[in-house]
Structure formats: C-alpha cells, structure tokens
Protein backbone atom coordinates (compact mmCIF):
# COMPACT_ATOMS: atom_id res chain seq x y z
CA MET A 1 -9.59 -30.09 -20.90
CA ASN A 2 -10.64 -26.44 -21.31
CA ASP A 3 -8.32 -23.55 -20.46
CA THR A 4 -9.82 -22.89 -17.02
CA ALA A 5 -9.52 -26.55 -16.05
CA LYS A 6 -5.91 -26.52 -17.28
CA HIS A 7 -5.04 -23.52 -15.13
CA LYS A 8 -6.77 -25.08 -12.12
CA GLN A 9 -4.71 -28.26 -12.55
CA GLU A 10 -1.49 -26.23 -12.95
CA LEU A 11 -2.26 -24.41 -9.70
CA LEU A 12 -2.85 -27.69 -7.87
CA ASP A 13 0.17 -29.48 -9.35
CA ASN A 14 2.79 -26.72 -9.54
CA GLY A 15 1.52 -24.12 -7.07
CA PHE A 16 1.06 -21.39 -9.70
CA SER A 17 -0.46 -20.56 -13.08
CA VAL A 18 -0.44 -17.53 -15.39
CA ILE A 19 -3.59 -16.36 -17.19
CA ASN A 20 -3.28 -13.42 -19.59
CA ASP A 21 -5.89 -11.12 -21.18
CA ILE A 22 -8.18 -10.62 -18.18
CA TYR A 23 -8.26 -6.82 -18.34
CA SER A 24 -8.25 -4.55 -21.38
CA ILE A 25 -5.90 -1.57 -21.60
CA ASP A 26 -8.86 0.72 -20.81
CA GLU A 27 -9.70 -1.34 -17.70
CA VAL A 28 -6.08 -1.24 -16.54
CA ASN A 29 -5.98 2.54 -17.04
CA SER A 30 -9.21 2.96 -15.05
CA ILE A 31 -7.72 0.98 -12.17
CA LEU A 32 -4.50 3.02 -12.26
CA THR A 33 -6.46 6.29 -12.31
CA ALA A 34 -8.33 5.23 -9.16
CA ILE A 35 -5.03 4.34 -7.46
CA ASN A 36 -3.26 7.53 -8.53
CA THR A 37 -6.02 9.75 -7.12
CA ALA A 38 -6.09 8.03 -3.70
CA ASP A 39 -5.23 9.83 -0.46
CA THR A 40 -1.73 8.51 0.33
CA SER A 41 -1.39 10.08 3.77
CA LYS A 42 -2.82 7.12 5.71
CA ASP A 43 -0.82 4.63 7.78
CA THR A 44 -1.67 1.82 5.36
CA PHE A 45 0.30 3.57 2.59
CA ARG A 46 4.03 2.89 2.45
CA LYS A 47 6.30 5.11 0.36
CA SER A 48 10.02 4.77 -0.31
CA SER A 49 12.37 5.18 -3.27
CA ASP A 50 12.21 1.42 -3.92
CA LEU A 51 8.58 0.62 -3.20
CA PHE A 52 5.11 2.12 -2.90
CA ALA A 53 2.53 -0.11 -1.26
CA ILE A 54 -1.06 0.14 -0.06
CA ARG A 55 -2.10 -2.38 2.59
CA GLN A 56 -5.79 -3.25 3.07
CA PHE A 57 -6.07 -2.09 -0.52
CA LEU A 58 -9.72 -2.91 -1.18
CA LYS A 59 -10.79 -1.35 2.12
CA GLU A 60 -8.81 1.83 1.45
CA LEU A 61 -10.11 2.14 -2.13
CA PRO A 62 -13.60 0.57 -2.09
CA GLN A 63 -14.47 2.38 -5.31
CA ILE A 64 -11.98 0.17 -7.15
CA THR A 65 -13.74 -3.12 -6.32
CA ASP A 66 -16.10 -3.08 -9.31
CA LEU A 67 -13.19 -2.29 -11.65
CA ILE A 68 -11.16 -5.25 -10.38
CA PHE A 69 -13.92 -7.83 -10.16
CA ASN A 70 -14.90 -7.81 -13.82
CA ASP A 71 -16.75 -10.72 -15.42
CA LYS A 72 -13.56 -12.52 -16.43
CA LEU A 73 -12.12 -12.45 -12.91
CA LYS A 74 -15.44 -13.54 -11.40
CA THR A 75 -15.49 -16.53 -13.77
CA ILE A 76 -11.93 -17.52 -12.80
CA ILE A 77 -12.75 -17.31 -9.10
CA GLU A 78 -15.91 -19.37 -9.58
CA GLN A 79 -14.35 -22.06 -11.77
CA ILE A 80 -10.86 -22.35 -10.22
CA LEU A 81 -11.40 -21.44 -6.56
CA GLY A 82 -15.10 -22.02 -5.99
CA SER A 83 -18.29 -20.10 -5.27
CA ASN A 84 -17.75 -19.90 -1.50
CA PHE A 85 -14.38 -18.11 -1.47
CA PHE A 86 -13.98 -14.60 -0.04
CA VAL A 87 -11.20 -11.99 0.10
CA VAL A 88 -8.94 -12.18 3.18
CA LYS A 89 -6.07 -9.82 2.23
CA SER A 90 -5.31 -7.23 -0.43
CA ILE A 91 -2.16 -5.21 -1.15
CA TYR A 92 -1.05 -2.95 -3.99
CA PHE A 93 2.66 -2.87 -4.89
CA ASN A 94 4.44 -0.42 -7.16
CA LYS A 95 8.05 -1.39 -7.80
CA PRO A 96 9.39 1.75 -9.59
CA GLU A 97 11.62 1.80 -12.66
CA THR A 98 14.80 2.36 -10.64
CA SER A 99 13.93 -0.02 -7.80
CA ASN A 100 16.67 -2.03 -6.13
CA TRP A 101 14.05 -3.90 -4.10
CA TYR A 102 15.10 -7.55 -3.97
CA VAL A 103 13.09 -10.26 -2.22
CA SER A 104 14.78 -13.59 -1.48
CA TYR A 105 13.00 -16.96 -1.63
CA HIS A 106 10.23 -17.31 0.94
CA GLN A 107 6.73 -18.64 1.52
CA ASP A 108 3.81 -16.41 2.57
CA LEU A 109 3.23 -17.80 6.04
CA THR A 110 1.01 -15.23 7.76
CA ILE A 111 -2.60 -14.10 7.59
CA SER A 112 -4.05 -10.71 8.57
CA VAL A 113 -6.41 -10.81 11.55
CA ASP A 114 -8.36 -8.35 13.69
CA LYS A 115 -6.50 -8.72 17.01
CA LYS A 116 -3.73 -10.54 18.85
CA ILE A 117 -4.77 -13.30 21.22
CA GLU A 118 -3.24 -16.47 22.61
CA LEU A 119 -4.52 -19.34 20.52
CA ASN A 120 -3.20 -22.87 20.13
CA SER A 121 -1.33 -23.46 16.84
CA PHE A 122 -1.36 -19.73 15.95
CA GLY A 123 2.00 -17.96 16.09
CA PRO A 124 4.40 -16.26 15.87
CA TRP A 125 2.74 -12.84 15.66
CA THR A 126 3.85 -9.64 13.93
CA THR A 127 2.43 -6.14 13.54
CA LYS A 128 2.92 -3.96 10.44
CA GLN A 129 1.35 -0.51 10.16
CA ASN A 130 -1.18 -1.33 12.90
CA GLN A 131 -2.12 -4.60 11.19
CA PHE A 132 -1.91 -7.86 13.18
CA ALA A 133 -0.49 -10.86 11.33
CA VAL A 134 -0.01 -14.41 12.55
CA GLN A 135 1.19 -17.73 11.22
CA PRO A 136 -1.84 -20.05 11.32
CA PRO A 137 -1.97 -23.86 11.14
CA THR A 138 -0.68 -25.14 7.80
CA GLU A 139 -4.09 -26.34 6.64
CA ILE A 140 -5.35 -22.74 6.65
CA LEU A 141 -2.41 -21.64 4.47
CA GLU A 142 -2.99 -24.58 2.11
CA ASN A 143 -6.57 -23.40 1.58
CA ILE A 144 -5.57 -19.87 0.47
CA THR A 145 -5.10 -18.88 -3.17
CA THR A 146 -3.44 -15.62 -4.18
CA ILE A 147 -4.40 -13.79 -7.38
CA ARG A 148 -1.84 -11.23 -8.55
CA ILE A 149 -3.21 -8.72 -11.07
CA HIS A 150 -0.46 -7.25 -13.25
CA LEU A 151 -0.88 -3.64 -14.34
CA ASP A 152 2.36 -3.68 -16.38
CA ASP A 153 4.10 -6.18 -18.63
CA THR A 154 6.33 -8.06 -16.22
CA ASP A 155 9.31 -10.32 -16.85
CA GLU A 156 12.47 -11.20 -14.97
CA ASN A 157 14.00 -7.82 -15.89
CA ASN A 158 11.48 -5.85 -13.84
CA GLY A 159 10.85 -8.10 -10.90
CA ALA A 160 8.63 -10.93 -12.14
CA LEU A 161 8.28 -13.62 -9.50
CA ARG A 162 10.62 -16.58 -9.65
CA VAL A 163 9.06 -19.71 -8.16
CA VAL A 164 10.04 -23.25 -7.23
CA PRO A 165 7.38 -25.48 -8.86
CA LYS A 166 5.66 -28.00 -6.56
CA SER A 167 7.27 -26.51 -3.44
CA HIS A 168 3.79 -25.85 -2.01
CA LEU A 169 3.36 -29.62 -1.65
CA LYS A 170 6.17 -29.77 0.94
CA LYS A 171 4.33 -27.85 3.68
CA ILE A 172 6.69 -25.45 5.48
CA TYR A 173 9.84 -25.42 3.33
CA ARG A 174 12.66 -23.29 4.73
CA PRO A 175 14.51 -21.39 1.98
CA GLU A 176 17.90 -22.22 3.49
CA THR A 177 17.15 -25.92 2.99
CA ILE A 178 16.33 -25.72 -0.75
CA ASN A 179 18.23 -28.47 -2.54
CA TRP A 180 19.01 -27.01 -5.96
CA ASP A 181 20.28 -30.41 -7.11
CA ILE A 182 16.67 -31.55 -7.29
CA GLU A 183 14.65 -28.29 -7.44
CA THR A 184 14.16 -25.99 -10.40
CA GLU A 185 13.04 -22.38 -10.64
CA THR A 186 10.73 -20.68 -13.11
CA ALA A 187 10.36 -16.98 -13.94
CA CYS A 188 6.68 -16.08 -14.23
CA SER A 189 6.27 -13.48 -16.96
CA VAL A 190 2.81 -11.91 -17.07
CA LYS A 191 1.40 -9.50 -19.64
CA GLN A 192 -0.27 -6.23 -18.67
CA GLY A 193 -3.85 -7.06 -17.73
CA GLY A 194 -2.99 -10.67 -16.89
CA LEU A 195 -3.03 -12.69 -13.68
CA MET A 196 -0.75 -14.98 -11.78
CA LEU A 197 -2.45 -17.45 -9.44
CA MET A 198 -0.28 -18.85 -6.65
CA LYS A 199 -0.50 -20.91 -3.49
CA PRO A 200 1.11 -19.08 -0.53
CA LEU A 201 3.30 -22.09 0.30
CA THR A 202 4.94 -21.90 -3.14
CA LEU A 203 8.51 -20.68 -2.65
CA HIS A 204 8.92 -17.41 -4.54
CA SER A 205 11.38 -14.54 -4.93
CA SER A 206 11.75 -11.31 -6.90
CA ASN A 207 14.84 -9.75 -8.47
CA ARG A 208 15.81 -6.09 -8.73
CA THR A 209 14.56 -4.07 -11.71
CA THR A 210 17.14 -3.83 -14.51
CA ASN A 211 15.15 -2.59 -17.53
CA ASN A 212 13.87 0.76 -16.19
CA ARG A 213 10.22 -0.38 -16.27
CA LYS A 214 7.63 -0.32 -13.52
CA ARG A 215 6.02 -3.38 -12.01
CA ARG A 216 2.64 -2.57 -10.49
CA VAL A 217 0.70 -5.48 -9.00
CA ILE A 218 -2.52 -5.94 -7.02
CA HIS A 219 -2.15 -8.92 -4.66
CA ILE A 220 -5.44 -10.42 -3.39
CA GLU A 221 -5.72 -13.52 -1.20
CA PHE A 222 -8.84 -15.71 -1.08
CA SER A 223 -10.01 -18.40 1.34
CA ASN A 224 -13.20 -20.24 2.26
CA THR A 225 -11.98 -21.21 5.74
CA GLU A 226 -13.59 -19.80 8.88
CA LEU A 227 -11.14 -18.94 11.66
CA PRO A 228 -11.68 -19.96 15.30
CA LYS A 229 -14.52 -17.91 16.79
CA GLU A 230 -12.09 -15.79 18.85
CA LEU A 231 -10.43 -14.44 15.70
CA LYS A 232 -11.60 -12.71 12.51
CA TRP A 233 -10.01 -12.11 9.11
CA ALA A 234 -8.94 -8.45 9.16
CA GLU A 235 -9.97 -7.75 5.57
CA ARG A 236 -12.79 -10.17 4.89
CA ILE A 237 -14.89 -9.17 1.89
CA ASN A 238 -17.65 -11.51 0.74
CA LEU A 239 -18.02 -11.72 -3.03
CA ASN A 240 -21.64 -12.85 -3.15
C-alpha cells in the first residue's frame, strides 16, 4: 500500500489522517503574506484577543487559490477524495500566542448555504456574519471531507485538535454521551506546511495555547454531493 492509499484508509477507518510536507517554507510564507495584506474591515473577518478568523476565505482572497492548490494538494484531492469533489466551505483561523480559546468536543454538523428555506430533513438553522448555515441529512455530512492546512507547527500545547478515533462511524454522536470507558482520544500534531484530513462527524476538540506559539490553519471542506434544487452551497468552487 502506497502512502496516499494508507492515508485514505486511515481517513475511512479512523475519521482523520495527518500528511506532512505538502508546502515548503517559501509556499507557507507566500500564503501568509497574502493573508496579512488582506482588507480586514469586511463582515466576514472576525477579530478578538483570542481569535482572528476569515469566513468565506477563498472568496474573500481569490488571489490565494493558486498558492493553496499546489500540485501536491491537487494529487491528494484526486487520489483520496476523487476527481469530482469541489469546495463547499473555507475558513482561516489564527489562534494567537496568548489565546485562551478552548473548544470542547463536538462534531461539525452544519453546511453553509445561500439562503434559508423550509426543507424536509434540513434544520436547525443558524446565521453567522450574514452566512446561512443548516444541519443537513446525515448522508450529506458523511460525504464531506475537511482538509486543514497548517501554517505553523502545531501540537497539543498550541491547540492541536484532539479527536476520538472512529467516532465518525457512529452518525450523530452527542459529546455529553461519550463513554470514556470505551473511547480513546488522540492529539493530532501537524508540522508547518502539513495537512490534517478529517471527516466532519469525527468528534474533535481544541485546548488553550500554553506554549506562546501561534496556530494558524486554513480549513477547507469538500463534497461531491448536489443539494436539493431549492438550495445552493454558499461557497461552491469547482476545482476542474
């Protein structure tokens, strides 16, 4: 089994996989330069002492697309996800050196869509920064794969994700019902320029930063599922 096949199997079996050495230091610095020169006055930019985030990241910074989708990432998407997958959500997170931002165990249960309508099996609805989000049927969530691009070395001391392996296989899994007598957790350390692939139904959490180091991550979700004709993915970007 080659490395790509191994990572694909890990993603299917455990709900996550880490792949390092996707971006060089120069590529990471080019991405960070594009981010640091962006206009941060828009509603999709969130700024606080604990977190800086850009929603609809690839739409807000279209010039960054070619930097992110280098040949290595394109190969991973093709061989692990498939040739017919497209982007459905993108967010940039910067967890600063002094961040006390803590995220408890949860699954990613919503998708970003273009409007709010009454639709069987879709709900509840939320709105964040003028962006509609809804919980879709489980089969749509099962089809999504998230790729998290790490722009800093990340371990459990600066907010690396902690995950519950195989939890994505249990459909909707409420955090308050986790049975720690049978479940385990894993801290997902990722090197600068590496990736973490994850299924949204994988239970995951993030601790506060304790080592005075940043954790900057680009979070991109991919799907090949078409929504009901009344609804559209809010951030759809075709890769081909």
